Protein backbone atom coordinates (compact mmCIF):
# COMPACT_ATOMS: atom_id res chain seq x y z
CA UNK A 1 -2.83 3.97 -26.44
CA UNK A 2 -3.58 3.26 -23.01
CA UNK A 3 -0.40 3.15 -20.66
CA UNK A 4 0.94 -0.28 -20.18
CA UNK A 5 2.47 -1.27 -16.95
CA UNK A 6 5.57 -3.20 -17.14
CA UNK A 7 5.35 -6.45 -14.98
CA UNK A 8 7.49 -9.77 -14.71
CA UNK A 9 6.61 -13.30 -15.70
CA UNK A 10 5.93 -15.53 -12.33
CA UNK A 11 6.33 -19.10 -12.85
CA UNK A 12 3.88 -21.17 -10.74
CA UNK A 13 6.67 -23.41 -9.57
CA UNK A 14 7.96 -20.41 -7.36
CA UNK A 15 4.60 -20.62 -5.33
CA UNK A 16 4.35 -24.54 -5.28
CA UNK A 17 5.75 -24.93 -1.92
CA UNK A 18 2.89 -22.76 -0.44
CA UNK A 19 0.06 -24.64 -2.20
CA UNK A 20 -1.50 -28.00 -1.42
CA UNK A 21 -0.99 -30.58 -4.21
CA UNK A 22 -4.64 -30.58 -4.98
CA UNK A 23 -4.79 -26.81 -5.56
CA UNK A 24 -1.56 -26.79 -7.54
CA UNK A 25 -2.95 -29.58 -9.86
CA UNK A 26 -6.01 -27.55 -10.39
CA UNK A 27 -4.50 -24.39 -11.20
CA UNK A 28 -2.22 -26.05 -13.77
CA UNK A 29 -5.16 -27.97 -15.36
CA UNK A 30 -7.16 -24.60 -15.71
CA UNK A 31 -4.19 -22.85 -17.21
CA UNK A 32 -3.56 -25.65 -19.68
CA UNK A 33 -7.29 -25.09 -20.87
CA UNK A 34 -6.71 -21.41 -21.30
CA UNK A 35 -3.13 -21.32 -22.62
CA UNK A 36 -2.75 -18.44 -25.14
CA UNK A 37 -5.91 -16.55 -23.96
CA UNK A 38 -5.21 -12.85 -24.56
CA UNK A 39 -6.44 -10.92 -21.61
CA UNK A 40 -6.22 -7.30 -20.60
CA UNK A 41 -6.77 -5.96 -16.96
CA UNK A 42 -7.48 -2.08 -16.93
CA UNK A 43 -7.40 0.09 -13.74
CA UNK A 44 -7.08 3.69 -12.70
CA UNK A 45 -3.59 3.91 -11.34
CA UNK A 46 -0.32 1.78 -11.46
CA UNK A 47 0.48 2.49 -7.74
CA UNK A 48 -1.11 3.14 -4.46
CA UNK A 49 -4.00 1.02 -3.09
CA UNK A 50 -5.04 -2.54 -3.29
CA UNK A 51 -5.98 -2.88 -6.96
CA UNK A 52 -2.55 -1.80 -8.01
CA UNK A 53 -1.00 -4.35 -5.59
CA UNK A 54 -3.18 -7.21 -6.76
CA UNK A 55 -2.63 -6.55 -10.41
CA UNK A 56 1.27 -6.25 -9.84
CA UNK A 57 1.21 -9.90 -8.92
CA UNK A 58 -1.82 -11.33 -10.84
CA UNK A 59 -0.88 -10.33 -14.22
CA UNK A 60 2.64 -11.85 -13.97
CA UNK A 61 1.17 -15.11 -12.68
CA UNK A 62 -1.25 -15.27 -15.56
CA UNK A 63 1.65 -14.68 -17.82
CA UNK A 64 3.69 -17.69 -16.01
CA UNK A 65 0.73 -19.85 -16.71
CA UNK A 66 0.75 -19.32 -20.31
CA UNK A 67 -1.75 -16.61 -20.91
CA UNK A 68 -0.95 -13.38 -22.88
CA UNK A 69 -1.81 -10.90 -20.05
CA UNK A 70 -1.40 -7.16 -20.04
CA UNK A 71 -2.04 -4.55 -17.50
CA UNK A 72 -3.42 -1.10 -18.77
CA UNK A 73 -3.94 2.23 -16.84
CA UNK A 74 -6.46 4.88 -17.91
CA UNK A 75 -5.36 8.49 -18.09
CA UNK A 76 -7.26 11.22 -16.19
CA UNK A 77 -6.82 14.52 -14.65
CA UNK A 78 -7.76 15.95 -11.24
CA UNK A 79 -11.26 16.88 -12.42
CA UNK A 80 -12.04 13.25 -13.53
CA UNK A 81 -10.52 11.64 -10.44
CA UNK A 82 -12.42 14.11 -8.16
CA UNK A 83 -15.65 12.90 -9.74
CA UNK A 84 -14.76 9.28 -9.64
CA UNK A 85 -13.48 9.49 -5.97
CA UNK A 86 -16.96 11.05 -5.25
CA UNK A 87 -18.72 8.04 -7.15
CA UNK A 88 -16.45 5.65 -5.15
CA UNK A 89 -17.55 7.29 -1.72
CA UNK A 90 -21.11 7.44 -2.67
CA UNK A 91 -21.16 3.71 -3.51
CA UNK A 92 -19.70 3.02 -0.08
CA UNK A 93 -22.78 5.01 1.21
CA UNK A 94 -21.57 8.69 1.77
CA UNK A 95 -23.74 11.58 0.75
CA UNK A 96 -23.24 12.90 -2.87
CA UNK A 97 -25.03 15.13 -5.01
CA UNK A 98 -24.82 13.78 -8.57
CA UNK A 99 -24.60 16.77 -10.89
CA UNK A 100 -25.01 17.01 -14.66
CA UNK A 101 -21.36 18.24 -14.73
CA UNK A 102 -20.09 15.18 -12.96
CA UNK A 103 -21.97 12.91 -15.33
CA UNK A 104 -20.49 14.74 -18.35
CA UNK A 105 -16.89 14.62 -17.04
CA UNK A 106 -17.25 10.87 -16.41
CA UNK A 107 -18.52 10.07 -19.72
CA UNK A 108 -16.30 12.26 -21.57
CA UNK A 109 -13.20 10.61 -20.09
CA UNK A 110 -14.50 7.20 -20.53
CA UNK A 111 -15.27 7.93 -24.17
CA UNK A 112 -11.76 9.17 -24.67
CA UNK A 113 -10.20 6.32 -22.82
CA UNK A 114 -12.17 3.78 -24.92
CA UNK A 115 -10.77 5.46 -28.02
CA UNK A 116 -7.17 4.77 -26.52
CA UNK A 117 -7.81 1.11 -26.02
CA UNK A 118 -6.14 -0.91 -28.61
CA UNK A 119 -5.54 -4.62 -29.12
CA UNK A 120 -7.48 -7.75 -29.80
CA UNK A 121 -8.36 -9.44 -26.45
CA UNK A 122 -10.39 -12.52 -25.53
CA UNK A 123 -11.16 -11.31 -22.06
CA UNK A 124 -11.15 -7.80 -20.42
CA UNK A 125 -10.92 -7.05 -16.69
CA UNK A 126 -12.14 -3.66 -15.67
CA UNK A 127 -11.40 -2.73 -12.07
CA UNK A 128 -13.53 -0.42 -9.94
CA UNK A 129 -15.85 2.38 -10.96
CA UNK A 130 -13.32 4.74 -12.63
CA UNK A 131 -13.29 2.84 -16.03
CA UNK A 132 -16.64 1.03 -15.82
CA UNK A 133 -18.18 2.81 -18.68
CA UNK A 134 -15.37 1.80 -21.08
CA UNK A 135 -17.23 -1.33 -22.23
CA UNK A 136 -20.07 0.86 -23.51
CA UNK A 137 -17.60 2.89 -25.66
CA UNK A 138 -15.27 0.31 -26.90
CA UNK A 139 -16.49 -0.70 -30.46
CA UNK A 140 -16.19 -4.17 -32.00
CA UNK A 141 -14.26 -7.24 -30.95
CA UNK A 142 -15.42 -10.62 -29.40
CA UNK A 143 -13.98 -10.22 -26.03
CA UNK A 144 -15.87 -11.25 -22.83
CA UNK A 145 -16.01 -8.32 -20.37
CA UNK A 146 -15.66 -8.47 -16.56
CA UNK A 147 -16.03 -5.69 -14.13
CA UNK A 148 -14.59 -6.31 -10.76
CA UNK A 149 -15.67 -3.98 -8.10
CA UNK A 150 -13.23 -3.85 -5.23
CA UNK A 151 -15.28 -1.72 -2.71
CA UNK A 152 -18.38 -2.26 -0.28
CA UNK A 153 -21.59 -1.22 -2.28
CA UNK A 154 -23.96 -2.79 0.11
CA UNK A 155 -25.46 0.67 0.81
CA UNK A 156 -24.82 2.62 -2.14
CA UNK A 157 -25.99 6.04 -3.09
CA UNK A 158 -29.12 5.53 -5.11
CA UNK A 159 -28.56 8.16 -7.71
CA UNK A 160 -24.85 7.16 -8.60
CA UNK A 161 -26.00 3.68 -8.56
CA UNK A 162 -28.64 4.30 -11.12
CA UNK A 163 -26.27 6.25 -13.23
CA UNK A 164 -23.77 3.51 -13.47
CA UNK A 165 -26.41 0.70 -13.85
CA UNK A 166 -26.58 0.69 -17.71
CA UNK A 167 -22.80 0.34 -17.79
CA UNK A 168 -22.64 -2.47 -15.44
CA UNK A 169 -25.53 -4.19 -17.41
CA UNK A 170 -23.23 -4.33 -20.40
CA UNK A 171 -20.70 -6.74 -18.87
CA UNK A 172 -20.67 -10.53 -19.02
CA UNK A 173 -19.65 -10.97 -15.49
CA UNK A 174 -19.51 -8.51 -12.49
CA UNK A 175 -17.45 -9.60 -9.69
CA UNK A 176 -17.80 -8.45 -6.00
CA UNK A 177 -15.45 -9.40 -2.86
CA UNK A 178 -18.51 -10.61 -0.99
CA UNK A 179 -22.20 -11.58 -1.88
CA UNK A 180 -23.20 -9.02 0.74
CA UNK A 181 -21.84 -6.22 -1.32
CA UNK A 182 -24.14 -6.74 -4.24
CA UNK A 183 -26.58 -3.96 -4.49
CA UNK A 184 -30.21 -5.18 -4.47
CA UNK A 185 -30.80 -3.36 -7.75
CA UNK A 186 -27.96 -5.28 -9.40
CA UNK A 187 -28.91 -8.90 -8.36
CA UNK A 188 -30.26 -9.31 -11.95
CA UNK A 189 -26.71 -9.13 -13.30
CA UNK A 190 -24.42 -12.01 -13.88
CA UNK A 191 -22.68 -11.59 -10.56
CA UNK A 192 -20.42 -13.73 -8.40
CA UNK A 193 -18.23 -13.13 -5.25
CA UNK A 194 -14.53 -13.58 -5.22
CA UNK A 195 -12.24 -12.19 -2.40
CA UNK A 196 -8.92 -11.11 -3.32
CA UNK A 197 -5.45 -12.53 -1.97
CA UNK A 198 -1.86 -11.41 -1.14
CA UNK A 199 1.34 -12.27 -2.97
CA UNK A 200 3.49 -14.19 -0.54
CA UNK A 201 6.73 -13.45 -2.58
CA UNK A 202 6.14 -9.71 -3.38
CA UNK A 203 8.54 -7.44 -1.82
CA UNK A 204 5.73 -6.39 0.52
CA UNK A 205 5.38 -9.96 1.91
CA UNK A 206 8.65 -11.89 1.27
CA UNK A 207 10.46 -12.83 4.46
CA UNK A 208 12.75 -10.21 5.83
CA UNK A 209 15.56 -11.18 8.31
CA UNK A 210 14.67 -9.77 11.49
CA UNK A 211 17.99 -7.63 11.80
CA UNK A 212 16.88 -6.09 8.28
CA UNK A 213 13.55 -5.23 9.27
CA UNK A 214 14.61 -3.57 12.41
CA UNK A 215 17.10 -1.41 10.55
CA UNK A 216 14.55 -0.20 8.18
CA UNK A 217 12.25 0.67 11.15
CA UNK A 218 15.12 2.61 12.91
CA UNK A 219 15.96 4.23 9.52
CA UNK A 220 12.44 5.73 9.75
CA UNK A 221 13.12 7.09 13.16
CA UNK A 222 11.12 4.16 15.20
CA UNK A 223 12.79 2.23 18.02
CA UNK A 224 12.20 -1.50 17.39
CA UNK A 225 12.83 -2.20 21.18
CA UNK A 226 9.88 -0.15 22.15
CA UNK A 227 6.19 -1.22 21.57
CA UNK A 228 4.94 -0.32 18.05
CA UNK A 229 1.48 0.09 16.86
CA UNK A 230 1.05 0.55 13.27
CA UNK A 231 -1.79 1.28 10.56
CA UNK A 232 -0.96 0.85 6.83
CA UNK A 233 -3.72 2.39 4.50
CA UNK A 234 -4.40 5.08 2.22
CA UNK A 235 -4.96 8.46 3.81
CA UNK A 236 -8.84 7.99 3.57
CA UNK A 237 -11.60 8.99 6.07
CA UNK A 238 -13.07 5.48 5.54
CA UNK A 239 -9.72 4.29 7.48
CA UNK A 240 -10.30 6.85 10.19
CA UNK A 241 -6.58 7.74 10.88
CA UNK A 242 -7.63 10.51 13.23
CA UNK A 243 -9.30 7.87 15.30
CA UNK A 244 -6.23 5.85 15.29
CA UNK A 245 -4.41 8.62 16.87
CA UNK A 246 -6.98 8.95 19.49
CA UNK A 247 -6.71 5.10 20.27
CA UNK A 248 -3.12 5.35 20.55
CA UNK A 249 -3.15 8.27 22.91
CA UNK A 250 -5.46 6.29 25.20
CA UNK A 251 -3.52 3.17 25.15
CA UNK A 252 -0.23 4.97 25.71
CA UNK A 253 -1.34 6.13 29.01
CA UNK A 254 -1.35 2.34 30.16
CA UNK A 255 1.68 1.41 27.97
CA UNK A 256 4.42 3.88 28.45
CA UNK A 257 6.92 4.21 25.58
CA UNK A 258 4.25 3.13 22.92
CA UNK A 259 4.94 4.37 19.27
CA UNK A 260 2.45 4.83 16.50
CA UNK A 261 3.39 4.55 12.88
CA UNK A 262 0.82 5.82 10.30
CA UNK A 263 2.02 4.58 6.87
CA UNK A 264 -0.07 5.80 4.01
CA UNK A 265 0.12 5.50 0.21
CA UNK A 266 -0.97 8.30 -2.16
CA UNK A 267 -2.54 7.32 -5.67
CA UNK A 268 -3.21 9.19 -8.93
CA UNK A 269 -6.85 8.59 -8.57
CA UNK A 270 -7.32 9.87 -4.90
CA UNK A 271 -7.19 13.75 -4.90
CA UNK A 272 -8.40 13.85 -1.30
CA UNK A 273 -5.49 12.04 0.12
CA UNK A 274 -3.04 15.14 0.51
CA UNK A 275 -5.72 17.27 2.36
CA UNK A 276 -6.17 14.35 5.01
CA UNK A 277 -2.47 13.82 5.17
CA UNK A 278 -1.91 17.45 6.22
CA UNK A 279 -4.77 17.34 8.66
CA UNK A 280 -2.98 14.31 10.18
CA UNK A 281 0.49 15.87 10.27
CA UNK A 282 -1.02 18.90 12.01
CA UNK A 283 -2.78 16.63 14.52
CA UNK A 284 0.60 14.72 15.39
CA UNK A 285 2.59 17.86 15.75
CA UNK A 286 4.65 17.85 18.86
CA UNK A 287 4.43 14.07 19.79
CA UNK A 288 7.83 12.64 18.52
CA UNK A 289 6.38 8.98 18.86
CA UNK A 290 3.95 9.53 16.11
CA UNK A 291 5.47 8.81 12.78
CA UNK A 292 3.54 9.64 9.56
CA UNK A 293 5.11 8.56 6.15
CA UNK A 294 3.95 7.91 2.59
CA UNK A 295 5.04 6.35 -0.51
CA UNK A 296 6.08 10.04 -1.60
CA UNK A 297 8.21 10.41 1.31
CA UNK A 298 10.39 7.24 1.23
CA UNK A 299 7.86 4.40 2.28
CA UNK A 300 7.94 1.57 -0.27
CA UNK A 301 6.63 -1.83 -0.27
CA UNK A 302 9.88 -2.94 1.65
CA UNK A 303 9.25 -0.50 4.49
CA UNK A 304 5.76 -1.51 4.99
CA UNK A 305 6.80 -5.24 5.20
CA UNK A 306 9.43 -4.23 7.87
CA UNK A 307 6.73 -2.34 10.00
CA UNK A 308 4.19 -5.02 9.71
CA UNK A 309 6.92 -7.57 10.65
CA UNK A 310 8.30 -5.47 13.67
CA UNK A 311 5.11 -4.02 15.02
CA UNK A 312 3.63 -5.59 18.31
CA UNK A 313 0.23 -4.93 17.03
CA UNK A 314 -1.36 -3.72 13.69
CA UNK A 315 -4.48 -1.60 13.78
CA UNK A 316 -7.02 -1.42 10.96
CA UNK A 317 -9.64 1.09 11.93
CA UNK A 318 -11.78 0.87 8.86
CA UNK A 319 -15.30 2.16 8.93
CA UNK A 320 -16.15 0.56 5.55
CA UNK A 321 -13.64 -1.70 3.87
CA UNK A 322 -13.92 -3.66 0.63
CA UNK A 323 -11.56 -6.40 1.81
CA UNK A 324 -8.45 -4.82 3.51
CA UNK A 325 -5.44 -6.61 1.99
CA UNK A 326 -3.22 -5.06 4.90
CA UNK A 327 -4.98 -7.52 7.15
CA UNK A 328 -3.78 -10.61 5.52
CA UNK A 329 -0.42 -9.01 4.86
CA UNK A 330 0.11 -8.43 8.41
CA UNK A 331 -1.18 -11.85 9.49
CA UNK A 332 1.06 -13.53 7.01
CA UNK A 333 4.10 -11.99 8.79
CA UNK A 334 2.91 -13.50 12.20
CA UNK A 335 1.81 -10.09 13.66
CA UNK A 336 -1.65 -9.76 15.45
CA UNK A 337 -4.44 -7.37 14.12
CA UNK A 338 -7.05 -5.36 15.85
CA UNK A 339 -9.56 -4.26 13.10
CA UNK A 340 -13.05 -2.94 12.41
CA UNK A 341 -15.57 -5.51 12.17
CA UNK A 342 -16.70 -4.55 8.62
CA UNK A 343 -16.53 -5.45 5.08
CA UNK A 344 -14.16 -8.14 4.00
CA UNK A 345 -11.98 -7.98 7.39
CA UNK A 346 -14.27 -10.65 9.19
CA UNK A 347 -13.47 -13.02 6.42
CA UNK A 348 -9.65 -12.90 7.27
CA UNK A 349 -10.30 -13.10 10.92
CA UNK A 350 -12.81 -15.56 12.03
CA UNK A 351 -13.34 -15.89 15.91
CA UNK A 352 -10.13 -16.90 17.61
CA UNK A 353 -7.82 -16.19 14.57
CA UNK A 354 -5.47 -13.40 13.92
CA UNK A 355 -6.62 -11.03 16.64
CA UNK A 356 -9.74 -9.27 17.40
CA UNK A 357 -12.71 -7.61 15.59
CA UNK A 358 -14.09 -4.56 17.26
CA UNK A 359 -16.80 -1.93 16.81
CA UNK A 360 -16.01 0.94 19.10
CA UNK A 361 -12.97 3.05 20.39
CA UNK A 362 -13.03 1.71 23.95
CA UNK A 363 -12.96 -1.89 22.57
CA UNK A 364 -10.00 -0.85 20.27
CA UNK A 365 -8.18 0.35 23.35
CA UNK A 366 -8.87 -2.69 25.39
CA UNK A 367 -7.82 -5.27 22.84
CA UNK A 368 -4.69 -3.42 21.78
CA UNK A 369 -3.96 -3.32 25.37
CA UNK A 370 -4.40 -7.18 25.76
CA UNK A 371 -2.15 -8.06 23.01
CA UNK A 372 0.62 -5.61 24.07
CA UNK A 373 0.64 -7.02 27.50
CA UNK A 374 -0.14 -10.69 26.89
CA UNK A 375 2.48 -11.79 24.44
CA UNK A 376 1.51 -15.30 24.44
CA UNK A 377 -2.10 -14.61 23.43
CA UNK A 378 -0.75 -12.24 20.69
CA UNK A 379 1.54 -15.02 19.23
CA UNK A 380 -1.20 -17.68 19.42
CA UNK A 381 -3.69 -15.49 17.62
CA UNK A 382 -1.21 -14.45 14.94
CA UNK A 383 -0.10 -17.83 14.12
CA UNK A 384 -3.56 -19.13 13.72
CA UNK A 385 -4.12 -16.16 11.37
CA UNK A 386 -0.85 -16.93 9.29
CA UNK A 387 -2.20 -20.37 8.80
CA UNK A 388 -5.74 -19.16 7.82
CA UNK A 389 -4.21 -16.73 5.24
CA UNK A 390 -2.19 -19.58 3.59
CA UNK A 391 -5.11 -21.76 3.12
CA UNK A 392 -7.63 -19.13 1.94
CA UNK A 393 -5.99 -15.89 0.81
CA UNK A 394 -2.85 -16.17 -1.18
CA UNK A 395 -2.77 -14.87 -4.73
CA UNK A 396 -2.72 -18.27 -6.20
CA UNK A 397 -6.28 -18.97 -4.71
CA UNK A 398 -7.51 -15.65 -6.46
CA UNK A 399 -5.97 -16.60 -9.75
CA UNK A 400 -7.68 -20.05 -9.75
CA UNK A 401 -10.95 -18.37 -9.05
CA UNK A 402 -10.41 -15.97 -11.80
CA UNK A 403 -9.35 -18.59 -14.35
CA UNK A 404 -12.43 -20.63 -13.52
CA UNK A 405 -14.76 -17.67 -14.34
CA UNK A 406 -12.63 -17.17 -17.54
CA UNK A 407 -12.91 -20.86 -18.40
CA UNK A 408 -16.71 -20.59 -17.97
CA UNK A 409 -17.07 -17.37 -19.99
CA UNK A 410 -14.86 -18.30 -22.96
CA UNK A 411 -15.81 -22.11 -23.34
CA UNK A 412 -15.65 -22.79 -27.03
CA UNK A 413 -13.93 -19.51 -27.68
CA UNK A 414 -11.35 -20.38 -30.55
CA UNK A 415 -8.64 -18.02 -29.51
CA UNK A 416 -8.30 -19.75 -26.32
CA UNK A 417 -6.64 -22.54 -28.00
CA UNK A 418 -3.87 -20.23 -29.59
CA UNK A 419 -0.40 -21.55 -28.51
CA UNK A 420 1.63 -19.59 -26.00
């Protein structure tokens, strides 16, 4: 059997105070129509990265709404995840040579994982390219299958896209974060756009008393009474952590005492992460005001929460970005953001909201300096960003969107009427 991730049951009532009465009623009505539906979410890793964070909150909410929801994780070794990381990068536009060996590895593991998938479901969500081919190898069953692509595939590698196309065509629905991410060659598929959302009640986003947040920051060697610039992301070239270090060094010349925190997460499906981590550590050697830490070295969701809350500015120097949950997470805490004008980030930061979108290193430096030295401006932008996140990017809105999709796909499906 596939590994099942243990999750809680989250009653919708816990989120009611953060929702409008209209949205609360709409979600309750959708859930009532789908009560008893058997839903599986399948991903590549139980930790590290946005997909696992989403599922950690989405699946409990499904269960709290009366659906029978589970979260499965596929197994794989370094060889498989090296191939799928190559696919991931290629779909975002990086050069990649698709070899016969890579094809064989991908198909072999997906065939094996399909054999491990047990249980009768009414709907199956498959997340990202790693398990995309599962649908082609799972025999029988009357479930509807949805593939959720969380990355920016607007300029994909043609060979990888062509290889994956037959698998994508086997799905009842294909979901992207933005319409602009849908490859032209896949416009014939049953596609829809649906941005993700953050969980305001998770350990990463729940309110922390200021004294607790400051104590956590101090515990990791950072002085909460001096200016702090933070980036939270995987250690991934698409997040440009080395570029962040360059921006920090330039800004520090004008803001003495500035500190940089680079908080990264390691994931089972990202074998490249450790190589970049060691490169970053070497680059930072000798500067006591740069702090590099990971989920392997003691940084959990609570620590990330504390840094996003205590930082003066958070930077997200993404070159390509599917959505960038860390942007909404930071804005939710009332902290301004300077971020790359790419992918799903502009959706979270419309003009005059949350901070600044930028396109080059000099602009990063200027805008971070502006926010560090004009705290009224920083506070005003952050407050607007917090309101925008509450209106558009909470997990309850995401679950509502997903249930609307399920309602359309399983209309008339008899198992949808099973009692909870």
